[in-house]
Amino acid sequence: MSERAAPFYCPYCGDEDLRPSEQGHGAWECGACNRAFQLKFLGLLARGFQPNDGGGDEI
């Protein structure tokens, strides 16, 4: 397994000045807007992966 993914930008201000928080796993701090947030994986969706049926582009 590879390393966990890190966020590329703050979900509040969009800045990239992020660093891991001391609060624990998945917690990040933004140096630009001085906010802390946490990322959490909730699980897989029940419907799973459904390949495109080839009937055109879907949005």
PDB file of N, CA and C in Angstrom:
ATOM      1  N   MET A   1       0.826  -1.174   0.000  1.00  0.00           N
ATOM      2  CA  MET A   1       0.000   0.000   0.000  1.00  0.00           C
ATOM      3  C   MET A   1       0.870   1.236   0.000  1.00  0.00           C
ATOM      4  N   SER A   2       0.385   2.286  -0.604  1.00  0.00           N
ATOM      5  CA  SER A   2       1.148   3.522  -0.679  1.00  0.00           C
ATOM      6  C   SER A   2       0.799   4.448   0.485  1.00  0.00           C
ATOM      7  N   GLU A   3       1.502   5.572   0.534  1.00  0.00           N
ATOM      8  CA  GLU A   3       1.233   6.558   1.577  1.00  0.00           C
ATOM      9  C   GLU A   3      -0.162   7.145   1.399  1.00  0.00           C
ATOM     10  N   ARG A   4      -0.690   7.692   2.452  1.00  0.00           N
ATOM     11  CA  ARG A   4      -1.999   8.349   2.386  1.00  0.00           C
ATOM     12  C   ARG A   4      -1.897   9.624   1.569  1.00  0.00           C
ATOM     13  N   ALA A   5      -2.953   9.954   0.881  1.00  0.00           N
ATOM     14  CA  ALA A   5      -2.973  11.166   0.072  1.00  0.00           C
ATOM     15  C   ALA A   5      -3.156  12.389   0.958  1.00  0.00           C
ATOM     16  N   ALA A   6      -2.523  13.462   0.584  1.00  0.00           N
ATOM     17  CA  ALA A   6      -2.643  14.725   1.306  1.00  0.00           C
ATOM     18  C   ALA A   6      -3.472  15.690   0.474  1.00  0.00           C
ATOM     19  N   PRO A   7      -4.202  16.587   1.115  1.00  0.00           N
ATOM     20  CA  PRO A   7      -4.971  17.567   0.350  1.00  0.00           C
ATOM     21  C   PRO A   7      -4.030  18.524  -0.382  1.00  0.00           C
ATOM     22  N   PHE A   8      -4.447  18.986  -1.544  1.00  0.00           N
ATOM     23  CA  PHE A   8      -3.637  19.908  -2.334  1.00  0.00           C
ATOM     24  C   PHE A   8      -3.922  21.366  -1.982  1.00  0.00           C
ATOM     25  N   TYR A   9      -5.110  21.641  -1.447  1.00  0.00           N
ATOM     26  CA  TYR A   9      -5.480  23.013  -1.118  1.00  0.00           C
ATOM     27  C   TYR A   9      -6.504  23.017   0.015  1.00  0.00           C
ATOM     28  N   CYS A  10      -6.628  24.164   0.659  1.00  0.00           N
ATOM     29  CA  CYS A  10      -7.575  24.340   1.758  1.00  0.00           C
ATOM     30  C   CYS A  10      -9.002  24.375   1.200  1.00  0.00           C
ATOM     31  N   PRO A  11      -9.928  23.617   1.791  1.00  0.00           N
ATOM     32  CA  PRO A  11     -11.310  23.631   1.299  1.00  0.00           C
ATOM     33  C   PRO A  11     -12.050  24.937   1.612  1.00  0.00           C
ATOM     34  N   TYR A  12     -11.472  25.788   2.450  1.00  0.00           N
ATOM     35  CA  TYR A  12     -12.123  27.046   2.820  1.00  0.00           C
ATOM     36  C   TYR A  12     -11.632  28.227   1.996  1.00  0.00           C
ATOM     37  N   CYS A  13     -10.311  28.358   1.841  1.00  0.00           N
ATOM     38  CA  CYS A  13      -9.782  29.530   1.136  1.00  0.00           C
ATOM     39  C   CYS A  13      -9.069  29.180  -0.166  1.00  0.00           C
ATOM     40  N   GLY A  14      -8.763  27.905  -0.383  1.00  0.00           N
ATOM     41  CA  GLY A  14      -8.118  27.481  -1.611  1.00  0.00           C
ATOM     42  C   GLY A  14      -6.605  27.615  -1.618  1.00  0.00           C
ATOM     43  N   ASP A  15      -6.021  28.097  -0.546  1.00  0.00           N
ATOM     44  CA  ASP A  15      -4.574  28.258  -0.487  1.00  0.00           C
ATOM     45  C   ASP A  15      -3.884  26.898  -0.330  1.00  0.00           C
ATOM     46  N   GLU A  16      -2.606  26.836  -0.689  1.00  0.00           N
ATOM     47  CA  GLU A  16      -1.854  25.589  -0.632  1.00  0.00           C
ATOM     48  C   GLU A  16      -0.907  25.507   0.573  1.00  0.00           C
ATOM     49  N   ASP A  17      -0.985  26.465   1.502  1.00  0.00           N
ATOM     50  CA  ASP A  17      -0.113  26.491   2.678  1.00  0.00           C
ATOM     51  C   ASP A  17      -0.681  25.579   3.767  1.00  0.00           C
ATOM     52  N   LEU A  18      -0.580  24.256   3.564  1.00  0.00           N
ATOM     53  CA  LEU A  18      -1.143  23.279   4.491  1.00  0.00           C
ATOM     54  C   LEU A  18      -0.046  22.512   5.198  1.00  0.00           C
ATOM     55  N   ARG A  19      -0.336  22.118   6.424  1.00  0.00           N
ATOM     56  CA  ARG A  19       0.590  21.275   7.182  1.00  0.00           C
ATOM     57  C   ARG A  19      -0.241  20.358   8.086  1.00  0.00           C
ATOM     58  N   PRO A  20       0.287  19.172   8.374  1.00  0.00           N
ATOM     59  CA  PRO A  20      -0.440  18.248   9.263  1.00  0.00           C
ATOM     60  C   PRO A  20      -0.655  18.881  10.635  1.00  0.00           C
ATOM     61  N   SER A  21      -1.806  18.624  11.209  1.00  0.00           N
ATOM     62  CA  SER A  21      -2.144  19.153  12.528  1.00  0.00           C
ATOM     63  C   SER A  21      -1.690  18.188  13.609  1.00  0.00           C
ATOM     64  N   GLU A  22      -1.462  18.704  14.795  1.00  0.00           N
ATOM     65  CA  GLU A  22      -1.109  17.873  15.944  1.00  0.00           C
ATOM     66  C   GLU A  22      -2.331  17.158  16.509  1.00  0.00           C
ATOM     67  N   GLN A  23      -3.527  17.470  16.001  1.00  0.00           N
ATOM     68  CA  GLN A  23      -4.764  16.886  16.522  1.00  0.00           C
ATOM     69  C   GLN A  23      -4.914  15.403  16.198  1.00  0.00           C
ATOM     70  N   GLY A  24      -4.165  14.921  15.218  1.00  0.00           N
ATOM     71  CA  GLY A  24      -4.239  13.488  14.932  1.00  0.00           C
ATOM     72  C   GLY A  24      -4.357  13.191  13.454  1.00  0.00           C
ATOM     73  N   HIS A  25      -4.642  11.932  13.177  1.00  0.00           N
ATOM     74  CA  HIS A  25      -4.681  11.418  11.812  1.00  0.00           C
ATOM     75  C   HIS A  25      -5.754  12.118  10.967  1.00  0.00           C
ATOM     76  N   GLY A  26      -5.368  12.615   9.817  1.00  0.00           N
ATOM     77  CA  GLY A  26      -6.308  13.238   8.897  1.00  0.00           C
ATOM     78  C   GLY A  26      -6.595  14.695   9.178  1.00  0.00           C
ATOM     79  N   ALA A  27      -5.974  15.278  10.186  1.00  0.00           N
ATOM     80  CA  ALA A  27      -6.210  16.673  10.531  1.00  0.00           C
ATOM     81  C   ALA A  27      -5.143  17.558   9.887  1.00  0.00           C
ATOM     82  N   TRP A  28      -5.566  18.683   9.332  1.00  0.00           N
ATOM     83  CA  TRP A  28      -4.677  19.602   8.638  1.00  0.00           C
ATOM     84  C   TRP A  28      -4.932  21.023   9.092  1.00  0.00           C
ATOM     85  N   GLU A  29      -3.903  21.868   8.985  1.00  0.00           N
ATOM     86  CA  GLU A  29      -4.008  23.285   9.320  1.00  0.00           C
ATOM     87  C   GLU A  29      -3.631  24.109   8.103  1.00  0.00           C
ATOM     88  N   CYS A  30      -4.370  25.191   7.872  1.00  0.00           N
ATOM     89  CA  CYS A  30      -4.073  26.103   6.771  1.00  0.00           C
ATOM     90  C   CYS A  30      -3.392  27.341   7.352  1.00  0.00           C
ATOM     91  N   GLY A  31      -2.211  27.633   6.844  1.00  0.00           N
ATOM     92  CA  GLY A  31      -1.475  28.799   7.312  1.00  0.00           C
ATOM     93  C   GLY A  31      -2.026  30.104   6.773  1.00  0.00           C
ATOM     94  N   ALA A  32      -2.781  30.062   5.687  1.00  0.00           N
ATOM     95  CA  ALA A  32      -3.308  31.282   5.074  1.00  0.00           C
ATOM     96  C   ALA A  32      -4.547  31.809   5.806  1.00  0.00           C
ATOM     97  N   CYS A  33      -5.513  30.937   6.080  1.00  0.00           N
ATOM     98  CA  CYS A  33      -6.758  31.388   6.713  1.00  0.00           C
ATOM     99  C   CYS A  33      -6.855  30.976   8.184  1.00  0.00           C
ATOM    100  N   ASN A  34      -5.822  30.278   8.683  1.00  0.00           N
ATOM    101  CA  ASN A  34      -5.747  29.898  10.099  1.00  0.00           C
ATOM    102  C   ASN A  34      -6.898  28.987  10.528  1.00  0.00           C
ATOM    103  N   ARG A  35      -7.344  28.119   9.605  1.00  0.00           N
ATOM    104  CA  ARG A  35      -8.399  27.158   9.926  1.00  0.00           C
ATOM    105  C   ARG A  35      -7.806  25.758  10.020  1.00  0.00           C
ATOM    106  N   ALA A  36      -8.456  24.915  10.778  1.00  0.00           N
ATOM    107  CA  ALA A  36      -8.087  23.502  10.871  1.00  0.00           C
ATOM    108  C   ALA A  36      -9.263  22.683  10.353  1.00  0.00           C
ATOM    109  N   PHE A  37      -8.951  21.596   9.664  1.00  0.00           N
ATOM    110  CA  PHE A  37      -9.997  20.722   9.153  1.00  0.00           C
ATOM    111  C   PHE A  37      -9.490  19.291   9.176  1.00  0.00           C
ATOM    112  N   GLN A  38     -10.422  18.352   9.023  1.00  0.00           N
ATOM    113  CA  GLN A  38     -10.061  16.947   9.073  1.00  0.00           C
ATOM    114  C   GLN A  38     -10.646  16.228   7.867  1.00  0.00           C
ATOM    115  N   LEU A  39      -9.846  15.343   7.276  1.00  0.00           N
ATOM    116  CA  LEU A  39     -10.291  14.516   6.169  1.00  0.00           C
ATOM    117  C   LEU A  39     -10.617  13.129   6.697  1.00  0.00           C
ATOM    118  N   LYS A  40     -11.686  12.548   6.173  1.00  0.00           N
ATOM    119  CA  LYS A  40     -12.098  11.237   6.657  1.00  0.00           C
ATOM    120  C   LYS A  40     -12.688  10.432   5.505  1.00  0.00           C
ATOM    121  N   PHE A  41     -12.216   9.214   5.332  1.00  0.00           N
ATOM    122  CA  PHE A  41     -12.768   8.307   4.344  1.00  0.00           C
ATOM    123  C   PHE A  41     -14.018   7.673   4.932  1.00  0.00           C
ATOM    124  N   LEU A  42     -15.145   7.817   4.254  1.00  0.00           N
ATOM    125  CA  LEU A  42     -16.404   7.304   4.782  1.00  0.00           C
ATOM    126  C   LEU A  42     -16.685   5.874   4.359  1.00  0.00           C
ATOM    127  N   GLY A  43     -16.203   5.456   3.200  1.00  0.00           N
ATOM    128  CA  GLY A  43     -16.434   4.093   2.739  1.00  0.00           C
ATOM    129  C   GLY A  43     -16.785   4.081   1.263  1.00  0.00           C
ATOM    130  N   LEU A  44     -17.026   2.897   0.749  1.00  0.00           N
ATOM    131  CA  LEU A  44     -17.392   2.738  -0.652  1.00  0.00           C
ATOM    132  C   LEU A  44     -18.897   2.857  -0.821  1.00  0.00           C
ATOM    133  N   LEU A  45     -19.315   3.331  -1.968  1.00  0.00           N
ATOM    134  CA  LEU A  45     -20.739   3.440  -2.261  1.00  0.00           C
ATOM    135  C   LEU A  45     -21.313   2.064  -2.556  1.00  0.00           C
ATOM    136  N   ALA A  46     -22.558   1.856  -2.232  1.00  0.00           N
ATOM    137  CA  ALA A  46     -23.192   0.555  -2.413  1.00  0.00           C
ATOM    138  C   ALA A  46     -23.287   0.163  -3.881  1.00  0.00           C
ATOM    139  N   ARG A  47     -23.436   1.140  -4.763  1.00  0.00           N
ATOM    140  CA  ARG A  47     -23.618   0.815  -6.180  1.00  0.00           C
ATOM    141  C   ARG A  47     -22.316   0.374  -6.838  1.00  0.00           C
ATOM    142  N   GLY A  48     -21.174   0.693  -6.242  1.00  0.00           N
ATOM    143  CA  GLY A  48     -19.893   0.256  -6.782  1.00  0.00           C
ATOM    144  C   GLY A  48     -19.567   0.900  -8.112  1.00  0.00           C
ATOM    145  N   PHE A  49     -18.654   0.297  -8.832  1.00  0.00           N
ATOM    146  CA  PHE A  49     -18.212   0.821 -10.118  1.00  0.00           C
ATOM    147  C   PHE A  49     -19.153   0.358 -11.218  1.00  0.00           C
ATOM    148  N   GLN A  50     -19.644   1.320 -12.017  1.00  0.00           N
ATOM    149  CA  GLN A  50     -20.502   1.001 -13.148  1.00  0.00           C
ATOM    150  C   GLN A  50     -19.865   1.568 -14.400  1.00  0.00           C
ATOM    151  N   PRO A  51     -19.344   0.724 -15.281  1.00  0.00           N
ATOM    152  CA  PRO A  51     -18.701   1.223 -16.494  1.00  0.00           C
ATOM    153  C   PRO A  51     -19.699   1.924 -17.405  1.00  0.00           C
ATOM    154  N   ASN A  52     -19.201   2.855 -18.198  1.00  0.00           N
ATOM    155  CA  ASN A  52     -20.018   3.593 -19.143  1.00  0.00           C
ATOM    156  C   ASN A  52     -20.546   2.627 -20.193  1.00  0.00           C
ATOM    157  N   ASP A  53     -21.820   2.762 -20.551  1.00  0.00           N
ATOM    158  CA  ASP A  53     -22.416   1.834 -21.511  1.00  0.00           C
ATOM    159  C   ASP A  53     -22.074   2.182 -22.957  1.00  0.00           C
ATOM    160  N   GLY A  54     -21.286   3.235 -23.182  1.00  0.00           N
ATOM    161  CA  GLY A  54     -20.893   3.606 -24.529  1.00  0.00           C
ATOM    162  C   GLY A  54     -21.942   4.392 -25.272  1.00  0.00           C
ATOM    163  N   GLY A  55     -22.973   4.815 -24.607  1.00  0.00           N
ATOM    164  CA  GLY A  55     -24.077   5.538 -25.257  1.00  0.00           C
ATOM    165  C   GLY A  55     -23.852   7.023 -25.358  1.00  0.00           C
ATOM    166  N   GLY A  56     -22.656   7.509 -25.179  1.00  0.00           N
ATOM    167  CA  GLY A  56     -22.391   8.944 -25.269  1.00  0.00           C
ATOM    168  C   GLY A  56     -21.753   9.444 -23.995  1.00  0.00           C
ATOM    169  N   ASP A  57     -21.409  10.696 -24.001  1.00  0.00           N
ATOM    170  CA  ASP A  57     -20.780  11.301 -22.832  1.00  0.00           C
ATOM    171  C   ASP A  57     -21.824  11.609 -21.772  1.00  0.00           C
ATOM    172  N   GLU A  58     -21.529  11.201 -20.554  1.00  0.00           N
ATOM    173  CA  GLU A  58     -22.403  11.509 -19.429  1.00  0.00           C
ATOM    174  C   GLU A  58     -21.692  12.481 -18.513  1.00  0.00           C
ATOM    175  N   ILE A  59     -22.438  13.371 -17.942  1.00  0.00           N
ATOM    176  CA  ILE A  59     -21.846  14.372 -17.049  1.00  0.00           C
ATOM    177  C   ILE A  59     -22.178  14.015 -15.626  1.00  0.00           C
TER     178      ILE A  59
END
